[in-house]
């Protein structure tokens, strides 16, 4: 595990490096930046009416259906992009 001081110093070092790059080549600086974001998205695969049709004999009860919880499955969505000005 990293010490707290090292964890605080890392973002400072990254920002210092980015500032040096900006000062050295300001005309192409933003063309080299790639941004990234991530989020959790609920994954639900609902049945269509046709998929949920159940054939049954007239003398039998319709099978019970259970409600699907929206938090049953989650997927991680990660998006990358470049900065254009």
N, C-alpha and C. Protein backbone atom coordinates (compact mmCIF):
# COMPACT_ATOMS: atom_id res chain seq x y z
N UNK A 1 0.84 -1.19 0.00
CA UNK A 1 0.00 0.00 0.00
C UNK A 1 0.88 1.24 0.00
N UNK A 2 0.51 2.23 -0.81
CA UNK A 2 1.30 3.45 -0.93
C UNK A 2 1.10 4.34 0.30
N UNK A 3 2.13 5.03 0.71
CA UNK A 3 1.94 6.02 1.78
C UNK A 3 1.07 7.18 1.29
N UNK A 4 0.40 7.84 2.20
CA UNK A 4 -0.52 8.92 1.86
C UNK A 4 0.21 10.04 1.13
N UNK A 5 1.42 10.38 1.55
CA UNK A 5 2.17 11.46 0.91
C UNK A 5 2.45 11.14 -0.56
N UNK A 6 2.75 9.89 -0.85
CA UNK A 6 3.02 9.47 -2.23
C UNK A 6 1.75 9.56 -3.08
N UNK A 7 0.60 9.19 -2.50
CA UNK A 7 -0.67 9.28 -3.22
C UNK A 7 -1.02 10.73 -3.53
N UNK A 8 -0.69 11.64 -2.65
CA UNK A 8 -0.95 13.06 -2.88
C UNK A 8 0.03 13.65 -3.88
N UNK A 9 1.25 13.14 -3.90
CA UNK A 9 2.28 13.69 -4.77
C UNK A 9 2.08 13.27 -6.23
N UNK A 10 1.52 12.10 -6.47
CA UNK A 10 1.34 11.59 -7.82
C UNK A 10 0.52 12.54 -8.70
N UNK A 11 -0.67 13.03 -8.27
CA UNK A 11 -1.41 13.98 -9.11
C UNK A 11 -0.63 15.28 -9.36
N UNK A 12 0.14 15.71 -8.38
CA UNK A 12 0.95 16.92 -8.55
C UNK A 12 1.99 16.70 -9.64
N UNK A 13 2.63 15.53 -9.63
CA UNK A 13 3.63 15.21 -10.64
C UNK A 13 3.01 15.15 -12.04
N UNK A 14 1.85 14.55 -12.16
CA UNK A 14 1.17 14.44 -13.45
C UNK A 14 0.83 15.84 -13.97
N UNK A 15 0.27 16.69 -13.12
CA UNK A 15 -0.08 18.05 -13.53
C UNK A 15 1.15 18.86 -13.91
N UNK A 16 2.24 18.68 -13.21
CA UNK A 16 3.49 19.37 -13.54
C UNK A 16 3.99 18.93 -14.91
N UNK A 17 3.93 17.63 -15.18
CA UNK A 17 4.34 17.12 -16.49
C UNK A 17 3.45 17.68 -17.61
N UNK A 18 2.15 17.73 -17.37
CA UNK A 18 1.23 18.27 -18.37
C UNK A 18 1.50 19.76 -18.63
N UNK A 19 1.80 20.50 -17.58
CA UNK A 19 2.11 21.92 -17.73
C UNK A 19 3.38 22.12 -18.55
N UNK A 20 4.39 21.29 -18.31
CA UNK A 20 5.63 21.36 -19.10
C UNK A 20 5.36 21.07 -20.58
N UNK A 21 4.52 20.07 -20.84
CA UNK A 21 4.17 19.73 -22.24
C UNK A 21 3.42 20.88 -22.90
N UNK A 22 2.50 21.51 -22.16
CA UNK A 22 1.75 22.64 -22.70
C UNK A 22 2.68 23.79 -23.07
N UNK A 23 3.64 24.07 -22.19
CA UNK A 23 4.56 25.17 -22.45
C UNK A 23 5.51 24.86 -23.60
N UNK A 24 5.87 23.59 -23.77
CA UNK A 24 6.81 23.21 -24.83
C UNK A 24 6.14 23.19 -26.20
N UNK A 25 4.90 22.67 -26.29
CA UNK A 25 4.22 22.54 -27.59
C UNK A 25 2.73 22.91 -27.45
N UNK A 26 2.44 24.20 -27.25
CA UNK A 26 1.04 24.58 -27.01
C UNK A 26 0.10 24.33 -28.19
N UNK A 27 0.63 24.33 -29.42
CA UNK A 27 -0.24 24.18 -30.60
C UNK A 27 -0.77 22.74 -30.77
N UNK A 28 -0.07 21.75 -30.24
CA UNK A 28 -0.53 20.36 -30.39
C UNK A 28 -0.84 19.69 -29.05
N UNK A 29 -0.80 20.46 -27.99
CA UNK A 29 -0.98 19.88 -26.65
C UNK A 29 -2.32 19.16 -26.50
N UNK A 30 -3.42 19.84 -26.86
CA UNK A 30 -4.75 19.25 -26.66
C UNK A 30 -5.02 18.07 -27.58
N UNK A 31 -4.33 18.00 -28.71
CA UNK A 31 -4.51 16.86 -29.63
C UNK A 31 -4.00 15.55 -29.03
N UNK A 32 -3.16 15.64 -28.03
CA UNK A 32 -2.57 14.43 -27.43
C UNK A 32 -3.25 14.01 -26.13
N UNK A 33 -4.25 14.73 -25.72
CA UNK A 33 -4.95 14.41 -24.47
C UNK A 33 -6.07 13.40 -24.76
N UNK A 34 -6.12 12.34 -24.00
CA UNK A 34 -7.21 11.35 -24.08
C UNK A 34 -7.87 11.32 -22.72
N UNK A 35 -9.19 11.49 -22.71
CA UNK A 35 -9.91 11.46 -21.44
C UNK A 35 -10.67 10.14 -21.32
N UNK A 36 -10.99 9.79 -20.09
CA UNK A 36 -11.67 8.52 -19.83
C UNK A 36 -12.64 8.72 -18.68
N UNK A 37 -13.81 8.09 -18.77
CA UNK A 37 -14.78 8.12 -17.69
C UNK A 37 -15.41 6.74 -17.60
N UNK A 38 -15.88 6.40 -16.43
CA UNK A 38 -16.53 5.10 -16.26
C UNK A 38 -17.74 5.26 -15.36
N UNK A 39 -18.72 4.40 -15.56
CA UNK A 39 -19.92 4.42 -14.73
C UNK A 39 -20.55 3.04 -14.73
N UNK A 40 -21.30 2.73 -13.70
CA UNK A 40 -22.05 1.48 -13.64
C UNK A 40 -23.42 1.71 -14.25
N UNK A 41 -23.87 0.80 -15.10
CA UNK A 41 -25.15 0.91 -15.78
C UNK A 41 -25.98 -0.33 -15.47
N UNK A 42 -27.25 -0.11 -15.12
CA UNK A 42 -28.14 -1.25 -14.88
C UNK A 42 -28.39 -1.99 -16.19
N UNK A 43 -28.31 -3.30 -16.13
CA UNK A 43 -28.51 -4.11 -17.33
C UNK A 43 -29.79 -4.92 -17.15
N UNK A 44 -30.79 -4.58 -17.94
CA UNK A 44 -32.07 -5.31 -17.89
C UNK A 44 -32.36 -5.79 -19.30
N UNK A 45 -32.71 -7.04 -19.43
CA UNK A 45 -33.06 -7.60 -20.73
C UNK A 45 -34.53 -8.00 -20.66
N UNK A 46 -35.44 -7.03 -20.85
CA UNK A 46 -36.87 -7.35 -20.70
C UNK A 46 -37.38 -8.25 -21.82
N UNK A 47 -38.36 -9.05 -21.47
CA UNK A 47 -38.98 -9.90 -22.48
C UNK A 47 -39.97 -9.09 -23.29
N UNK A 48 -40.08 -9.41 -24.55
CA UNK A 48 -41.13 -8.81 -25.36
C UNK A 48 -42.43 -9.58 -25.07
N UNK A 49 -43.54 -9.05 -25.54
CA UNK A 49 -44.80 -9.76 -25.32
C UNK A 49 -44.77 -11.14 -25.97
N UNK A 50 -44.16 -11.20 -27.17
CA UNK A 50 -44.10 -12.48 -27.88
C UNK A 50 -43.24 -13.49 -27.08
N UNK A 51 -42.12 -13.01 -26.49
CA UNK A 51 -41.25 -13.92 -25.74
C UNK A 51 -41.92 -14.40 -24.45
N UNK A 52 -42.80 -13.59 -23.89
CA UNK A 52 -43.41 -13.95 -22.61
C UNK A 52 -44.67 -14.81 -22.76
N UNK A 53 -45.08 -15.07 -23.99
CA UNK A 53 -46.27 -15.90 -24.22
C UNK A 53 -45.98 -17.33 -23.77
N UNK A 54 -46.90 -17.86 -23.00
CA UNK A 54 -46.76 -19.24 -22.53
C UNK A 54 -47.99 -20.01 -22.96
N UNK A 55 -47.77 -21.11 -23.68
CA UNK A 55 -48.88 -21.95 -24.08
C UNK A 55 -49.22 -22.87 -22.93
N UNK A 56 -50.52 -22.96 -22.65
CA UNK A 56 -50.93 -23.83 -21.55
C UNK A 56 -52.27 -24.47 -21.90
N UNK A 57 -52.52 -25.55 -21.24
CA UNK A 57 -53.79 -26.23 -21.40
C UNK A 57 -54.85 -25.45 -20.62
N UNK A 58 -56.06 -25.44 -21.09
CA UNK A 58 -57.13 -24.66 -20.46
C UNK A 58 -57.37 -25.07 -19.00
N UNK A 59 -57.05 -26.31 -18.64
CA UNK A 59 -57.32 -26.75 -17.27
C UNK A 59 -56.19 -26.42 -16.30
N UNK A 60 -55.08 -25.88 -16.78
CA UNK A 60 -53.94 -25.52 -15.90
C UNK A 60 -53.90 -24.02 -15.64
N UNK A 61 -53.33 -23.66 -14.49
CA UNK A 61 -53.15 -22.24 -14.17
C UNK A 61 -51.96 -21.68 -14.95
N UNK A 62 -52.00 -20.37 -15.17
CA UNK A 62 -50.87 -19.70 -15.82
C UNK A 62 -49.69 -19.69 -14.84
N UNK A 63 -48.48 -19.99 -15.32
CA UNK A 63 -47.33 -19.97 -14.41
C UNK A 63 -47.08 -18.57 -13.86
N UNK A 64 -46.60 -18.51 -12.62
CA UNK A 64 -46.31 -17.22 -12.00
C UNK A 64 -45.07 -16.61 -12.62
N UNK A 65 -45.10 -15.29 -12.78
CA UNK A 65 -43.94 -14.56 -13.29
C UNK A 65 -43.38 -13.73 -12.15
N UNK A 66 -42.08 -13.64 -12.10
CA UNK A 66 -41.43 -12.87 -11.07
C UNK A 66 -40.93 -11.56 -11.66
N UNK A 67 -41.06 -10.50 -10.88
CA UNK A 67 -40.62 -9.19 -11.34
C UNK A 67 -39.09 -9.15 -11.34
N UNK A 68 -38.52 -8.61 -12.42
CA UNK A 68 -37.07 -8.48 -12.52
C UNK A 68 -36.65 -7.17 -11.86
N UNK A 69 -35.70 -7.27 -10.96
CA UNK A 69 -35.20 -6.08 -10.29
C UNK A 69 -34.22 -5.35 -11.19
N UNK A 70 -34.31 -4.01 -11.28
CA UNK A 70 -33.38 -3.29 -12.15
C UNK A 70 -31.93 -3.40 -11.72
N UNK A 71 -31.69 -3.74 -10.47
CA UNK A 71 -30.31 -3.85 -10.01
C UNK A 71 -29.81 -5.30 -10.07
N UNK A 72 -30.55 -6.15 -10.78
CA UNK A 72 -30.16 -7.56 -10.86
C UNK A 72 -28.78 -7.72 -11.49
N UNK A 73 -28.50 -6.94 -12.53
CA UNK A 73 -27.19 -7.00 -13.18
C UNK A 73 -26.72 -5.59 -13.47
N UNK A 74 -25.43 -5.39 -13.32
CA UNK A 74 -24.83 -4.10 -13.68
C UNK A 74 -23.64 -4.38 -14.57
N UNK A 75 -23.40 -3.48 -15.50
CA UNK A 75 -22.21 -3.58 -16.34
C UNK A 75 -21.45 -2.27 -16.22
N UNK A 76 -20.14 -2.35 -16.38
CA UNK A 76 -19.30 -1.16 -16.34
C UNK A 76 -19.17 -0.60 -17.74
N UNK A 77 -19.53 0.67 -17.92
CA UNK A 77 -19.36 1.34 -19.21
C UNK A 77 -18.16 2.27 -19.10
N UNK A 78 -17.18 2.10 -19.97
CA UNK A 78 -16.00 2.94 -19.98
C UNK A 78 -15.93 3.64 -21.33
N UNK A 79 -15.79 4.97 -21.29
CA UNK A 79 -15.78 5.77 -22.50
C UNK A 79 -14.47 6.54 -22.59
N UNK A 80 -13.84 6.47 -23.76
CA UNK A 80 -12.61 7.21 -24.01
C UNK A 80 -12.89 8.24 -25.09
N UNK A 81 -12.21 9.37 -25.03
CA UNK A 81 -12.39 10.39 -26.05
C UNK A 81 -11.18 11.31 -26.10
N UNK A 82 -11.07 12.02 -27.19
CA UNK A 82 -10.00 13.01 -27.32
C UNK A 82 -10.60 14.40 -27.28
N UNK A 83 -9.78 15.34 -26.91
CA UNK A 83 -10.21 16.74 -26.82
C UNK A 83 -10.00 17.39 -28.17
N UNK A 84 -11.05 17.97 -28.73
CA UNK A 84 -10.94 18.69 -30.00
C UNK A 84 -11.36 20.13 -29.77
N UNK A 85 -10.56 21.06 -30.25
CA UNK A 85 -10.90 22.48 -30.14
C UNK A 85 -10.95 23.11 -31.51
